[in-house]
Every structure is written in structure tokens, then in C-alpha cells.
């Protein structure tokens, strides 16, 4: 039976796609049937040049591009605004069907979110869908990616509290761009203390492998 894990971040450009790629790569290189899925992606005209294409290149998976993303928008804006400009608004039923198709082919499916946890995917007169709604629809637990540097304590703790208040389970936190200096070590300790959530991995700049053993990584998937 397929297992999934949702990767979200404290905001845009914190390294969510980079961390996702390393996770999928780790699973794939361990000989596991690893797949990827993203509900909505904006800022690209094709899958190859998108976040999904990056994950495919870095991880080495051979998954067909057409099953990796449900909604692709050209404009580099929030999906709800991109859909308003370009048409083809997000539907939770399509996302559920597309995700189920990926799950039929792969044992471990890493699902990447769009932007931060409060990213609107659709906001019109017919329906209002936030990223949290997708996580609930797919019944997934999450891994929260945050930058290791200055300001991360506030962003990470506030994001984690928002997720908890909306019924989302955070299994762990990944600190990206981690160099292990005094400030970053303190950031790690304060995040764990204030959020009550473990920092499960610290990823350095230019890291080629996800710094967790495969047994621990697979346990994050449910």
C-alpha cells in the first residue's frame, strides 16, 4: 500500500523543492518505488523547466512528467491569481484523483506544496481552496522546511502553530542552509522547545544527499 508525505515550507524560497528532491533521490537510490506529486505549480510554461522537473532531474526517477503535476500556470504568482488570469482553476476532486493514480504506481509518494502553508490555490466566487485543504483532502502528514538563518524561530513556530490549529500534523522540521554556527544551533534548540516538534534533519548548502538514514526517512511516510 502506497505511503505519502507532504512537504511544506515557512514561505517561498526556503528550499522546499531542493529538500523534496533530496528526499525522493534518497528513496529512489535505496531501491524503493519513489514518486512525486504537486497539485499546483506556477511560474513555468512546462514541467521540464519547473520545480517538478528539477525534482525529477536531481532524484533520477523516471516518472512521466504528465502525472507529476495537476495544474501548471505560466505566471509566477500564487496559483489562485494565476488561475484567475489564465483559467483552469484548481479542483480538489481532480487533485484527489491524480494523487491516487500516482499512489497506484509508487510505494512512497512525496507531495510538494506551493509556497507557504497559507498559499491560496483557488479563490473565486465558486470555491476557496488553501494549501491546508489539499493536505486534508489527501489525508497526509507533513514535514516543514525552514531556512536555518536569522528570523527562522518566529516563522517556523508561527507556521507550526497555524498548522496545528487547522488540524494538520507536523511530523518534523527540516532546517535548510544549515552551517551549524552558534546562532543556527540556538535556532534549532529554540524551535524544538517552542514548537514541541523535532528537527529531524539539517541540510547544508549544496548537500547532495538527504542527511537521514533510509529507515528513519521511510518512517516519516504514512
N, C-alpha and C. Protein backbone atom coordinates (compact mmCIF):
# COMPACT_ATOMS: atom_id res chain seq x y z
N UNK A 1 0.85 -1.19 0.00
CA UNK A 1 0.00 0.00 0.00
C UNK A 1 0.88 1.24 0.00
N UNK A 2 0.57 2.20 -0.86
CA UNK A 2 1.40 3.39 -1.01
C UNK A 2 1.36 4.27 0.24
N UNK A 3 2.49 4.91 0.52
CA UNK A 3 2.59 5.84 1.64
C UNK A 3 2.98 7.22 1.11
N UNK A 4 2.49 8.27 1.77
CA UNK A 4 2.76 9.61 1.31
C UNK A 4 3.25 10.53 2.42
N UNK A 5 3.88 11.63 2.02
CA UNK A 5 4.36 12.64 2.95
C UNK A 5 4.28 13.99 2.25
N UNK A 6 3.71 14.98 2.92
CA UNK A 6 3.55 16.31 2.33
C UNK A 6 4.66 17.23 2.81
N UNK A 7 5.33 17.88 1.87
CA UNK A 7 6.42 18.81 2.19
C UNK A 7 5.92 20.23 2.01
N UNK A 8 5.91 21.00 3.10
CA UNK A 8 5.55 22.41 3.02
C UNK A 8 6.70 23.24 3.59
N UNK A 9 6.55 24.56 3.52
CA UNK A 9 7.63 25.42 3.98
C UNK A 9 7.11 26.62 4.74
N UNK A 10 8.02 27.33 5.38
CA UNK A 10 7.65 28.54 6.12
C UNK A 10 7.40 29.71 5.17
N UNK A 11 7.67 29.53 3.89
CA UNK A 11 7.44 30.57 2.89
C UNK A 11 8.07 30.17 1.57
N UNK A 12 8.07 31.11 0.65
CA UNK A 12 8.68 30.88 -0.65
C UNK A 12 10.20 30.99 -0.54
N UNK A 13 10.90 30.20 -1.34
CA UNK A 13 12.37 30.25 -1.42
C UNK A 13 13.09 29.86 -0.13
N UNK A 14 12.55 28.91 0.60
CA UNK A 14 13.26 28.38 1.77
C UNK A 14 13.94 27.05 1.45
N UNK A 15 13.80 26.59 0.20
CA UNK A 15 14.46 25.35 -0.20
C UNK A 15 13.57 24.13 -0.18
N UNK A 16 12.26 24.35 -0.25
CA UNK A 16 11.30 23.25 -0.20
C UNK A 16 11.51 22.26 -1.35
N UNK A 17 11.68 22.78 -2.57
CA UNK A 17 11.88 21.91 -3.74
C UNK A 17 13.22 21.17 -3.65
N UNK A 18 14.23 21.86 -3.19
CA UNK A 18 15.56 21.27 -3.02
C UNK A 18 15.51 20.10 -2.04
N UNK A 19 14.89 20.32 -0.89
CA UNK A 19 14.77 19.26 0.11
C UNK A 19 13.91 18.11 -0.42
N UNK A 20 12.83 18.45 -1.11
CA UNK A 20 11.98 17.41 -1.70
C UNK A 20 12.77 16.54 -2.66
N UNK A 21 13.59 17.17 -3.50
CA UNK A 21 14.40 16.42 -4.47
C UNK A 21 15.35 15.46 -3.77
N UNK A 22 15.97 15.91 -2.68
CA UNK A 22 16.90 15.05 -1.96
C UNK A 22 16.18 13.87 -1.31
N UNK A 23 14.96 14.11 -0.83
CA UNK A 23 14.18 13.03 -0.22
C UNK A 23 13.81 11.98 -1.26
N UNK A 24 13.30 12.44 -2.41
CA UNK A 24 12.93 11.49 -3.47
C UNK A 24 14.17 10.74 -3.96
N UNK A 25 15.29 11.43 -4.07
CA UNK A 25 16.54 10.80 -4.50
C UNK A 25 16.96 9.70 -3.52
N UNK A 26 16.86 9.98 -2.23
CA UNK A 26 17.23 9.01 -1.21
C UNK A 26 16.38 7.75 -1.32
N UNK A 27 15.09 7.94 -1.49
CA UNK A 27 14.18 6.81 -1.62
C UNK A 27 14.48 6.00 -2.88
N UNK A 28 14.69 6.72 -3.98
CA UNK A 28 14.95 6.07 -5.27
C UNK A 28 16.26 5.28 -5.24
N UNK A 29 17.30 5.87 -4.68
CA UNK A 29 18.59 5.20 -4.63
C UNK A 29 18.60 4.01 -3.67
N UNK A 30 17.63 3.98 -2.77
CA UNK A 30 17.51 2.83 -1.86
C UNK A 30 16.76 1.68 -2.52
N UNK A 31 16.37 1.87 -3.77
CA UNK A 31 15.68 0.82 -4.50
C UNK A 31 14.18 0.79 -4.27
N UNK A 32 13.65 1.85 -3.66
CA UNK A 32 12.21 1.92 -3.41
C UNK A 32 11.50 2.58 -4.59
N UNK A 33 10.27 2.22 -4.80
CA UNK A 33 9.49 2.83 -5.88
C UNK A 33 9.01 4.20 -5.40
N UNK A 34 9.77 5.25 -5.78
CA UNK A 34 9.52 6.59 -5.28
C UNK A 34 8.86 7.45 -6.35
N UNK A 35 7.80 8.15 -5.97
CA UNK A 35 7.10 9.04 -6.88
C UNK A 35 6.98 10.43 -6.30
N UNK A 36 6.57 11.37 -7.14
CA UNK A 36 6.44 12.78 -6.75
C UNK A 36 5.11 13.30 -7.25
N UNK A 37 4.54 14.24 -6.48
CA UNK A 37 3.31 14.87 -6.92
C UNK A 37 3.22 16.30 -6.38
N UNK A 38 2.72 17.21 -7.21
CA UNK A 38 2.45 18.58 -6.79
C UNK A 38 1.13 19.01 -7.39
N UNK A 39 0.23 19.48 -6.56
CA UNK A 39 -1.12 19.81 -7.02
C UNK A 39 -1.11 20.99 -7.99
N UNK A 40 -0.48 22.09 -7.60
CA UNK A 40 -0.50 23.30 -8.43
C UNK A 40 0.88 23.94 -8.45
N UNK A 41 1.29 24.31 -9.63
CA UNK A 41 2.63 24.87 -9.83
C UNK A 41 2.52 26.09 -10.73
N UNK A 42 3.10 27.20 -10.33
CA UNK A 42 3.05 28.41 -11.14
C UNK A 42 4.46 28.91 -11.42
N UNK A 43 4.59 29.68 -12.51
CA UNK A 43 5.88 30.25 -12.87
C UNK A 43 6.67 29.42 -13.86
N UNK A 44 6.00 28.55 -14.60
CA UNK A 44 6.69 27.73 -15.61
C UNK A 44 5.74 27.44 -16.77
N UNK A 45 6.30 27.32 -17.96
CA UNK A 45 5.47 27.03 -19.13
C UNK A 45 5.43 25.54 -19.45
N UNK A 46 6.29 24.76 -18.79
CA UNK A 46 6.30 23.31 -18.99
C UNK A 46 6.87 22.63 -17.75
N UNK A 47 6.63 21.34 -17.64
CA UNK A 47 7.06 20.58 -16.46
C UNK A 47 8.58 20.49 -16.38
N UNK A 48 9.23 20.32 -17.52
CA UNK A 48 10.68 20.15 -17.53
C UNK A 48 11.40 21.30 -16.85
N UNK A 49 10.93 22.51 -17.07
CA UNK A 49 11.58 23.70 -16.52
C UNK A 49 10.98 24.16 -15.19
N UNK A 50 10.19 23.30 -14.58
CA UNK A 50 9.50 23.66 -13.33
C UNK A 50 10.16 22.99 -12.12
N UNK A 51 9.59 23.24 -10.96
CA UNK A 51 10.06 22.57 -9.74
C UNK A 51 9.98 21.05 -9.88
N UNK A 52 8.92 20.58 -10.50
CA UNK A 52 8.76 19.14 -10.69
C UNK A 52 9.86 18.57 -11.57
N UNK A 53 10.21 19.31 -12.62
CA UNK A 53 11.30 18.88 -13.49
C UNK A 53 12.62 18.84 -12.76
N UNK A 54 12.84 19.81 -11.87
CA UNK A 54 14.06 19.83 -11.06
C UNK A 54 14.13 18.59 -10.16
N UNK A 55 13.02 18.28 -9.52
CA UNK A 55 12.99 17.09 -8.65
C UNK A 55 13.30 15.83 -9.45
N UNK A 56 12.73 15.73 -10.64
CA UNK A 56 12.96 14.56 -11.48
C UNK A 56 14.43 14.44 -11.86
N UNK A 57 15.07 15.56 -12.23
CA UNK A 57 16.49 15.52 -12.62
C UNK A 57 17.38 15.14 -11.46
N UNK A 58 17.18 15.78 -10.32
CA UNK A 58 18.04 15.55 -9.16
C UNK A 58 17.86 14.14 -8.59
N UNK A 59 16.62 13.68 -8.54
CA UNK A 59 16.34 12.39 -7.92
C UNK A 59 16.67 11.20 -8.82
N UNK A 60 16.59 11.42 -10.13
CA UNK A 60 16.86 10.33 -11.07
C UNK A 60 15.67 9.43 -11.33
N UNK A 61 14.49 9.82 -10.87
CA UNK A 61 13.30 8.99 -11.12
C UNK A 61 12.88 9.11 -12.59
N UNK A 62 12.19 8.11 -13.07
CA UNK A 62 11.75 8.10 -14.47
C UNK A 62 10.25 8.35 -14.61
N UNK A 63 9.65 8.89 -13.60
CA UNK A 63 8.21 9.14 -13.59
C UNK A 63 7.79 10.04 -14.75
N UNK A 64 6.73 9.71 -15.47
CA UNK A 64 6.26 10.55 -16.57
C UNK A 64 5.87 11.94 -16.06
N UNK A 65 6.28 12.97 -16.78
CA UNK A 65 6.02 14.34 -16.35
C UNK A 65 4.54 14.64 -16.19
N UNK A 66 3.73 14.08 -17.06
CA UNK A 66 2.31 14.43 -17.07
C UNK A 66 1.56 13.99 -15.82
N UNK A 67 2.13 13.08 -15.03
CA UNK A 67 1.45 12.65 -13.82
C UNK A 67 2.04 13.31 -12.56
N UNK A 68 3.01 14.19 -12.73
CA UNK A 68 3.67 14.81 -11.59
C UNK A 68 2.94 16.05 -11.07
N UNK A 69 2.21 16.73 -11.93
CA UNK A 69 1.55 17.99 -11.56
C UNK A 69 0.14 18.02 -12.14
N UNK A 70 -0.82 18.47 -11.35
CA UNK A 70 -2.20 18.58 -11.85
C UNK A 70 -2.47 19.90 -12.54
N UNK A 71 -1.94 21.01 -11.98
CA UNK A 71 -2.21 22.33 -12.53
C UNK A 71 -0.91 23.09 -12.72
N UNK A 72 -0.66 23.52 -13.95
CA UNK A 72 0.55 24.25 -14.30
C UNK A 72 0.17 25.62 -14.85
N UNK A 73 0.70 26.67 -14.22
CA UNK A 73 0.41 28.04 -14.64
C UNK A 73 1.70 28.76 -15.04
N UNK A 74 1.61 29.59 -16.04
CA UNK A 74 2.80 30.31 -16.53
C UNK A 74 3.25 31.43 -15.59
N UNK A 75 2.29 32.20 -15.10
CA UNK A 75 2.64 33.38 -14.29
C UNK A 75 3.24 32.99 -12.94
N UNK A 76 4.30 33.67 -12.56
CA UNK A 76 4.98 33.39 -11.29
C UNK A 76 4.29 34.14 -10.15
N UNK A 77 3.04 33.78 -9.91
CA UNK A 77 2.25 34.35 -8.82
C UNK A 77 1.54 33.20 -8.11
N UNK A 78 0.85 33.51 -7.05
CA UNK A 78 0.10 32.48 -6.33
C UNK A 78 -0.87 31.79 -7.28
N UNK A 79 -1.05 30.47 -7.15
CA UNK A 79 -1.92 29.73 -8.08
C UNK A 79 -3.33 30.31 -8.21
N UNK A 80 -3.87 30.86 -7.15
CA UNK A 80 -5.23 31.41 -7.24
C UNK A 80 -5.29 32.59 -8.19
N UNK A 81 -4.24 33.43 -8.16
CA UNK A 81 -4.19 34.58 -9.06
C UNK A 81 -3.84 34.15 -10.48
N UNK A 82 -2.94 33.18 -10.59
CA UNK A 82 -2.58 32.67 -11.92
C UNK A 82 -3.80 32.07 -12.61
N UNK A 83 -4.61 31.34 -11.86
CA UNK A 83 -5.82 30.74 -12.42
C UNK A 83 -6.83 31.81 -12.83
N UNK A 84 -6.88 32.89 -12.06
CA UNK A 84 -7.77 33.99 -12.40
C UNK A 84 -7.37 34.63 -13.72
N UNK A 85 -6.08 34.66 -13.99
CA UNK A 85 -5.58 35.25 -15.23
C UNK A 85 -5.66 34.27 -16.41
N UNK A 86 -5.34 32.99 -16.13
CA UNK A 86 -5.17 32.03 -17.21
C UNK A 86 -6.31 31.04 -17.36
N UNK A 87 -7.19 30.99 -16.36
CA UNK A 87 -8.24 29.97 -16.37
C UNK A 87 -7.77 28.68 -15.73
N UNK A 88 -8.60 27.63 -15.81
CA UNK A 88 -8.30 26.31 -15.27
C UNK A 88 -8.08 26.34 -13.75
N UNK A 89 -9.10 26.75 -12.99
CA UNK A 89 -8.97 26.81 -11.54
C UNK A 89 -8.86 25.42 -10.90
N UNK A 90 -8.24 25.38 -9.76
CA UNK A 90 -7.98 24.14 -9.04
C UNK A 90 -9.28 23.49 -8.57
N UNK A 91 -9.32 22.16 -8.67
CA UNK A 91 -10.43 21.36 -8.16
C UNK A 91 -9.88 20.28 -7.23
N UNK A 92 -10.41 20.19 -6.03
CA UNK A 92 -9.94 19.18 -5.08
C UNK A 92 -10.22 17.77 -5.57
N UNK A 93 -11.31 17.57 -6.29
CA UNK A 93 -11.63 16.24 -6.78
C UNK A 93 -10.60 15.76 -7.81
N UNK A 94 -10.14 16.67 -8.67
CA UNK A 94 -9.10 16.30 -9.64
C UNK A 94 -7.78 16.00 -8.92
N UNK A 95 -7.45 16.82 -7.94
CA UNK A 95 -6.23 16.59 -7.17
C UNK A 95 -6.27 15.22 -6.50
N UNK A 96 -7.40 14.89 -5.92
CA UNK A 96 -7.55 13.59 -5.26
C UNK A 96 -7.39 12.45 -6.26
N UNK A 97 -8.00 12.58 -7.43
CA UNK A 97 -7.89 11.53 -8.46
C UNK A 97 -6.46 11.40 -8.97
N UNK A 98 -5.81 12.52 -9.23
CA UNK A 98 -4.45 12.48 -9.77
C UNK A 98 -3.47 11.91 -8.76
N UNK A 99 -3.63 12.29 -7.51
CA UNK A 99 -2.76 11.76 -6.46
C UNK A 99 -2.96 10.25 -6.32
N UNK A 100 -4.19 9.80 -6.39
CA UNK A 100 -4.49 8.36 -6.29
C UNK A 100 -3.83 7.58 -7.41
N UNK A 101 -3.78 8.16 -8.61
CA UNK A 101 -3.13 7.50 -9.74
C UNK A 101 -1.64 7.31 -9.48
N UNK A 102 -1.01 8.35 -8.92
CA UNK A 102 0.42 8.25 -8.60
C UNK A 102 0.65 7.18 -7.53
N UNK A 103 -0.24 7.14 -6.55
CA UNK A 103 -0.11 6.16 -5.47
C UNK A 103 -0.21 4.73 -5.96
N UNK A 104 -0.93 4.52 -7.04
CA UNK A 104 -1.06 3.17 -7.59
C UNK A 104 0.23 2.67 -8.21
N UNK A 105 1.10 3.60 -8.61
CA UNK A 105 2.33 3.23 -9.31
C UNK A 105 3.56 3.25 -8.41
N UNK A 106 3.48 3.97 -7.28
CA UNK A 106 4.67 4.14 -6.45
C UNK A 106 4.36 3.84 -4.99
N UNK A 107 5.35 3.30 -4.29
CA UNK A 107 5.17 2.92 -2.89
C UNK A 107 5.34 4.10 -1.94
N UNK A 108 6.21 5.05 -2.31
CA UNK A 108 6.45 6.23 -1.48
C UNK A 108 6.27 7.47 -2.35
N UNK A 109 5.26 8.27 -2.03
CA UNK A 109 4.95 9.45 -2.82
C UNK A 109 5.21 10.70 -1.98
N UNK A 110 6.14 11.52 -2.45
CA UNK A 110 6.45 12.78 -1.79
C UNK A 110 5.66 13.89 -2.47
N UNK A 111 4.83 14.56 -1.71
CA UNK A 111 3.94 15.59 -2.24
C UNK A 111 4.48 16.95 -1.83
N UNK A 112 4.74 17.80 -2.82
CA UNK A 112 5.28 19.12 -2.54
C UNK A 112 4.18 20.18 -2.60
N UNK A 113 4.18 21.06 -1.61
CA UNK A 113 3.22 22.15 -1.59
C UNK A 113 3.64 23.31 -2.45
N UNK A 114 2.78 24.33 -2.51
CA UNK A 114 3.07 25.55 -3.25
C UNK A 114 3.27 26.69 -2.26
N UNK A 115 4.43 27.36 -2.31
CA UNK A 115 4.69 28.46 -1.40
C UNK A 115 4.63 28.03 0.05
N UNK A 116 4.07 28.89 0.92
CA UNK A 116 3.92 28.57 2.33
C UNK A 116 2.58 27.90 2.60
N UNK A 117 2.33 27.61 3.85
CA UNK A 117 1.14 26.83 4.22
C UNK A 117 -0.15 27.60 3.97
N UNK A 118 -0.12 28.93 3.93
CA UNK A 118 -1.34 29.71 3.72
C UNK A 118 -1.48 30.11 2.26
N UNK A 119 -0.85 29.38 1.37
CA UNK A 119 -0.93 29.70 -0.06
C UNK A 119 -2.34 29.41 -0.59
N UNK A 120 -3.01 30.42 -1.20
CA UNK A 120 -4.32 30.16 -1.81
C UNK A 120 -4.16 29.50 -3.17
N UNK A 121 -4.81 28.38 -3.36
CA UNK A 121 -4.75 27.69 -4.65
C UNK A 121 -5.93 28.08 -5.53
N UNK A 122 -7.03 28.41 -4.89
CA UNK A 122 -8.20 28.90 -5.64
C UNK A 122 -8.99 29.85 -4.75
N UNK A 123 -9.42 30.97 -5.33
CA UNK A 123 -10.17 31.94 -4.53
C UNK A 123 -11.08 32.71 -5.49
N UNK A 124 -12.27 32.19 -5.67
CA UNK A 124 -13.20 32.84 -6.58
C UNK A 124 -14.61 32.72 -6.02
N UNK A 125 -15.59 33.13 -6.82
CA UNK A 125 -16.97 33.15 -6.35
C UNK A 125 -17.54 31.74 -6.14
N UNK A 126 -16.92 30.72 -6.71
CA UNK A 126 -17.43 29.36 -6.60
C UNK A 126 -16.78 28.57 -5.47
N UNK A 127 -15.49 28.78 -5.24
CA UNK A 127 -14.79 27.97 -4.25
C UNK A 127 -13.54 28.68 -3.74
N UNK A 128 -13.19 28.37 -2.50
CA UNK A 128 -11.98 28.91 -1.88
C UNK A 128 -11.16 27.75 -1.33
N UNK A 129 -9.96 27.58 -1.88
CA UNK A 129 -9.12 26.45 -1.51
C UNK A 129 -7.74 26.95 -1.11
N UNK A 130 -7.32 26.59 0.09
CA UNK A 130 -5.97 26.88 0.58
C UNK A 130 -5.15 25.59 0.55
N UNK A 131 -3.84 25.74 0.69
CA UNK A 131 -2.96 24.57 0.67
C UNK A 131 -3.35 23.57 1.75
N UNK A 132 -3.76 24.08 2.91
CA UNK A 132 -4.17 23.19 4.00
C UNK A 132 -5.32 22.28 3.60
N UNK A 133 -6.19 22.77 2.74
CA UNK A 133 -7.33 21.97 2.28
C UNK A 133 -6.86 20.77 1.46
N UNK A 134 -5.79 20.96 0.69
CA UNK A 134 -5.23 19.86 -0.10
C UNK A 134 -4.64 18.80 0.82
N UNK A 135 -3.91 19.23 1.84
CA UNK A 135 -3.30 18.29 2.78
C UNK A 135 -4.38 17.44 3.46
N UNK A 136 -5.46 18.11 3.86
CA UNK A 136 -6.57 17.38 4.49
C UNK A 136 -7.26 16.44 3.50
N UNK A 137 -7.42 16.90 2.28
CA UNK A 137 -8.09 16.08 1.26
C UNK A 137 -7.30 14.80 1.00
N UNK A 138 -5.98 14.90 1.00
CA UNK A 138 -5.13 13.75 0.72
C UNK A 138 -4.80 12.95 1.99
N UNK A 139 -5.23 13.47 3.13
CA UNK A 139 -5.04 12.80 4.43
C UNK A 139 -3.56 12.49 4.68
N UNK A 140 -2.73 13.54 4.54
CA UNK A 140 -1.29 13.37 4.69
C UNK A 140 -0.76 14.08 5.93
N UNK A 141 0.32 13.54 6.46
CA UNK A 141 1.08 14.24 7.48
C UNK A 141 2.19 15.03 6.79
N UNK A 142 2.78 15.97 7.51
CA UNK A 142 3.67 16.93 6.86
C UNK A 142 5.08 16.96 7.45
N UNK A 143 5.98 17.47 6.61
CA UNK A 143 7.33 17.81 7.00
C UNK A 143 7.50 19.29 6.67
N UNK A 144 7.94 20.09 7.63
CA UNK A 144 8.03 21.53 7.46
C UNK A 144 9.47 21.95 7.19
N UNK A 145 9.70 22.59 6.05
CA UNK A 145 11.04 23.06 5.67
C UNK A 145 11.19 24.54 6.04
N UNK A 146 12.30 24.87 6.70
CA UNK A 146 12.57 26.25 7.11
C UNK A 146 14.02 26.59 6.85
N UNK A 147 14.30 27.85 6.58
CA UNK A 147 15.68 28.30 6.48
C UNK A 147 16.29 28.32 7.87
N UNK A 148 17.57 27.97 7.97
CA UNK A 148 18.22 27.86 9.28
C UNK A 148 18.65 29.20 9.86
N UNK A 149 18.58 30.28 9.06
CA UNK A 149 19.16 31.56 9.45
C UNK A 149 18.30 32.46 10.31
N UNK A 150 18.70 33.71 10.34
CA UNK A 150 18.07 34.72 11.18
C UNK A 150 16.58 34.87 10.86
N UNK A 151 15.76 34.91 11.90
CA UNK A 151 14.32 35.08 11.74
C UNK A 151 13.53 33.79 11.67
N UNK A 152 14.23 32.68 11.64
CA UNK A 152 13.53 31.41 11.43
C UNK A 152 12.75 30.94 12.65
N UNK A 153 13.13 31.35 13.84
CA UNK A 153 12.39 30.92 15.03
C UNK A 153 10.93 31.36 14.94
N UNK A 154 10.74 32.65 14.68
CA UNK A 154 9.38 33.18 14.57
C UNK A 154 8.61 32.52 13.43
N UNK A 155 9.20 32.48 12.25
CA UNK A 155 8.49 31.95 11.08
C UNK A 155 8.12 30.49 11.27
N UNK A 156 9.04 29.71 11.81
CA UNK A 156 8.80 28.28 11.95
C UNK A 156 7.76 27.97 13.03
N UNK A 157 7.89 28.62 14.18
CA UNK A 157 6.96 28.37 15.28
C UNK A 157 5.56 28.83 14.91
N UNK A 158 5.44 30.00 14.28
CA UNK A 158 4.13 30.51 13.88
C UNK A 158 3.49 29.60 12.83
N UNK A 159 4.29 29.15 11.86
CA UNK A 159 3.76 28.23 10.84
C UNK A 159 3.28 26.93 11.48
N UNK A 160 4.08 26.39 12.39
CA UNK A 160 3.71 25.13 13.06
C UNK A 160 2.42 25.30 13.86
N UNK A 161 2.28 26.43 14.54
CA UNK A 161 1.07 26.68 15.33
C UNK A 161 -0.14 26.85 14.43
N UNK A 162 0.02 27.51 13.31
CA UNK A 162 -1.08 27.65 12.35
C UNK A 162 -1.52 26.28 11.87
N UNK A 163 -0.55 25.44 11.55
CA UNK A 163 -0.88 24.11 11.04
C UNK A 163 -1.62 23.30 12.09
N UNK A 164 -1.14 23.34 13.31
CA UNK A 164 -1.81 22.62 14.40
C UNK A 164 -3.24 23.11 14.58
N UNK A 165 -3.42 24.43 14.55
CA UNK A 165 -4.75 24.99 14.79
C UNK A 165 -5.73 24.64 13.68
N UNK A 166 -5.19 24.23 12.52
CA UNK A 166 -6.04 23.83 11.41
C UNK A 166 -6.06 22.31 11.21
N UNK A 167 -5.67 21.60 12.26
CA UNK A 167 -5.80 20.15 12.25
C UNK A 167 -4.78 19.40 11.42
N UNK A 168 -3.62 20.02 11.18
CA UNK A 168 -2.58 19.37 10.38
C UNK A 168 -1.49 18.83 11.30
N UNK A 169 -1.00 17.65 10.99
CA UNK A 169 0.05 17.01 11.77
C UNK A 169 1.42 17.29 11.17
N UNK A 170 2.33 17.82 11.99
CA UNK A 170 3.70 18.09 11.55
C UNK A 170 4.61 17.03 12.17
N UNK A 171 5.16 16.15 11.34
CA UNK A 171 5.98 15.05 11.86
C UNK A 171 7.39 15.50 12.20
N UNK A 172 7.85 16.57 11.55
CA UNK A 172 9.20 17.03 11.81
C UNK A 172 9.51 18.30 11.04
N UNK A 173 10.64 18.89 11.37
CA UNK A 173 11.11 20.12 10.74
C UNK A 173 12.47 19.87 10.12
N UNK A 174 12.68 20.40 8.92
CA UNK A 174 13.98 20.34 8.25
C UNK A 174 14.54 21.75 8.16
N UNK A 175 15.73 21.96 8.69
CA UNK A 175 16.40 23.24 8.57
C UNK A 175 17.32 23.21 7.36
N UNK A 176 17.09 24.12 6.43
CA UNK A 176 17.88 24.19 5.20
C UNK A 176 18.95 25.26 5.31
N UNK A 177 19.99 25.15 4.49
CA UNK A 177 21.13 26.08 4.51
C UNK A 177 21.79 26.11 5.88
N UNK A 178 21.93 24.94 6.47
CA UNK A 178 22.46 24.82 7.83
C UNK A 178 23.99 24.73 7.81
N UNK A 179 24.65 25.61 8.56
CA UNK A 179 26.11 25.58 8.67
C UNK A 179 26.57 25.24 10.08
N UNK A 180 25.64 25.24 11.03
CA UNK A 180 25.96 24.80 12.38
C UNK A 180 26.71 25.79 13.23
N UNK A 181 26.57 27.09 12.94
CA UNK A 181 27.23 28.08 13.80
C UNK A 181 26.39 28.28 15.07
N UNK A 182 26.87 29.14 15.96
CA UNK A 182 26.22 29.31 17.26
C UNK A 182 24.76 29.74 17.12
N UNK A 183 24.49 30.69 16.22
CA UNK A 183 23.12 31.18 16.04
C UNK A 183 22.21 30.08 15.52
N UNK A 184 22.67 29.32 14.54
CA UNK A 184 21.82 28.29 13.96
C UNK A 184 21.58 27.14 14.94
N UNK A 185 22.58 26.81 15.74
CA UNK A 185 22.36 25.79 16.76
C UNK A 185 21.32 26.25 17.78
N UNK A 186 21.37 27.53 18.12
CA UNK A 186 20.39 28.08 19.04
C UNK A 186 19.01 28.12 18.39
N UNK A 187 18.96 28.48 17.11
CA UNK A 187 17.69 28.46 16.38
C UNK A 187 17.04 27.08 16.46
N UNK A 188 17.84 26.06 16.23
CA UNK A 188 17.35 24.69 16.27
C UNK A 188 16.76 24.36 17.65
N UNK A 189 17.50 24.69 18.70
CA UNK A 189 17.04 24.38 20.05
C UNK A 189 15.77 25.14 20.40
N UNK A 190 15.72 26.42 20.01
CA UNK A 190 14.55 27.23 20.34
C UNK A 190 13.32 26.77 19.55
N UNK A 191 13.50 26.40 18.31
CA UNK A 191 12.38 25.90 17.50
C UNK A 191 11.80 24.63 18.13
N UNK A 192 12.67 23.71 18.52
CA UNK A 192 12.18 22.47 19.12
C UNK A 192 11.48 22.75 20.46
N UNK A 193 12.06 23.66 21.26
CA UNK A 193 11.49 23.97 22.56
C UNK A 193 10.14 24.66 22.43
N UNK A 194 10.04 25.65 21.56
CA UNK A 194 8.83 26.45 21.45
C UNK A 194 7.72 25.77 20.65
N UNK A 195 8.10 24.93 19.70
CA UNK A 195 7.08 24.27 18.87
C UNK A 195 6.72 22.88 19.38
N UNK A 196 7.65 22.26 20.11
CA UNK A 196 7.43 20.89 20.55
C UNK A 196 7.57 19.87 19.44
N UNK A 197 8.15 20.30 18.30
CA UNK A 197 8.31 19.44 17.13
C UNK A 197 9.81 19.21 16.91
N UNK A 198 10.23 17.98 16.67
CA UNK A 198 11.66 17.72 16.47
C UNK A 198 12.19 18.23 15.13
N UNK A 199 13.41 18.71 15.14
CA UNK A 199 14.12 18.99 13.90
C UNK A 199 14.71 17.67 13.45
N UNK A 200 14.14 17.11 12.41
CA UNK A 200 14.52 15.75 12.00
C UNK A 200 15.76 15.72 11.11
N UNK A 201 16.09 16.86 10.48
CA UNK A 201 17.26 16.89 9.60
C UNK A 201 17.72 18.32 9.41
N UNK A 202 19.03 18.48 9.23
CA UNK A 202 19.63 19.77 8.90
C UNK A 202 20.37 19.58 7.57
N UNK A 203 19.99 20.36 6.58
CA UNK A 203 20.54 20.22 5.24
C UNK A 203 21.48 21.38 4.94
N UNK A 204 22.73 21.06 4.64
CA UNK A 204 23.70 22.09 4.34
C UNK A 204 23.58 22.59 2.91
N UNK A 205 24.18 23.74 2.64
CA UNK A 205 24.16 24.29 1.29
C UNK A 205 24.91 23.36 0.34
N UNK A 206 24.30 23.06 -0.79
CA UNK A 206 24.94 22.19 -1.77
C UNK A 206 24.96 20.73 -1.40
N UNK A 207 24.16 20.37 -0.41
CA UNK A 207 24.09 18.95 0.02
C UNK A 207 23.62 18.08 -1.14
N UNK A 208 24.26 16.94 -1.29
CA UNK A 208 23.90 16.01 -2.37
C UNK A 208 23.01 14.86 -1.89
N UNK A 209 22.99 14.65 -0.60
CA UNK A 209 22.20 13.56 -0.03
C UNK A 209 21.37 14.08 1.14
N UNK A 210 20.17 13.52 1.31
CA UNK A 210 19.36 13.90 2.46
C UNK A 210 19.96 13.27 3.70
N UNK A 211 20.28 14.08 4.73
CA UNK A 211 21.03 13.58 5.89
C UNK A 211 20.19 12.82 6.91
N UNK A 212 19.63 11.72 6.46
CA UNK A 212 18.86 10.85 7.35
C UNK A 212 18.96 9.44 6.79
N UNK A 213 19.06 8.45 7.66
CA UNK A 213 19.13 7.08 7.15
C UNK A 213 17.78 6.69 6.55
N UNK A 214 17.81 5.74 5.64
CA UNK A 214 16.61 5.40 4.89
C UNK A 214 15.51 4.84 5.78
N UNK A 215 15.90 4.16 6.85
CA UNK A 215 14.90 3.62 7.78
C UNK A 215 14.12 4.75 8.46
N UNK A 216 14.88 5.76 8.92
CA UNK A 216 14.22 6.90 9.57
C UNK A 216 13.37 7.69 8.60
N UNK A 217 13.84 7.83 7.37
CA UNK A 217 13.10 8.59 6.36
C UNK A 217 11.77 7.91 6.04
N UNK A 218 11.81 6.62 5.80
CA UNK A 218 10.57 5.92 5.44
C UNK A 218 9.53 5.94 6.57
N UNK A 219 9.99 6.06 7.80
CA UNK A 219 9.07 6.12 8.94
C UNK A 219 8.26 7.41 8.96
N UNK A 220 8.74 8.44 8.25
CA UNK A 220 8.00 9.70 8.17
C UNK A 220 6.77 9.59 7.28
N UNK A 221 6.79 8.61 6.38
CA UNK A 221 5.68 8.42 5.43
C UNK A 221 4.58 7.59 6.10
N UNK A 222 3.33 8.00 5.82
CA UNK A 222 2.19 7.27 6.40
C UNK A 222 1.15 6.97 5.33
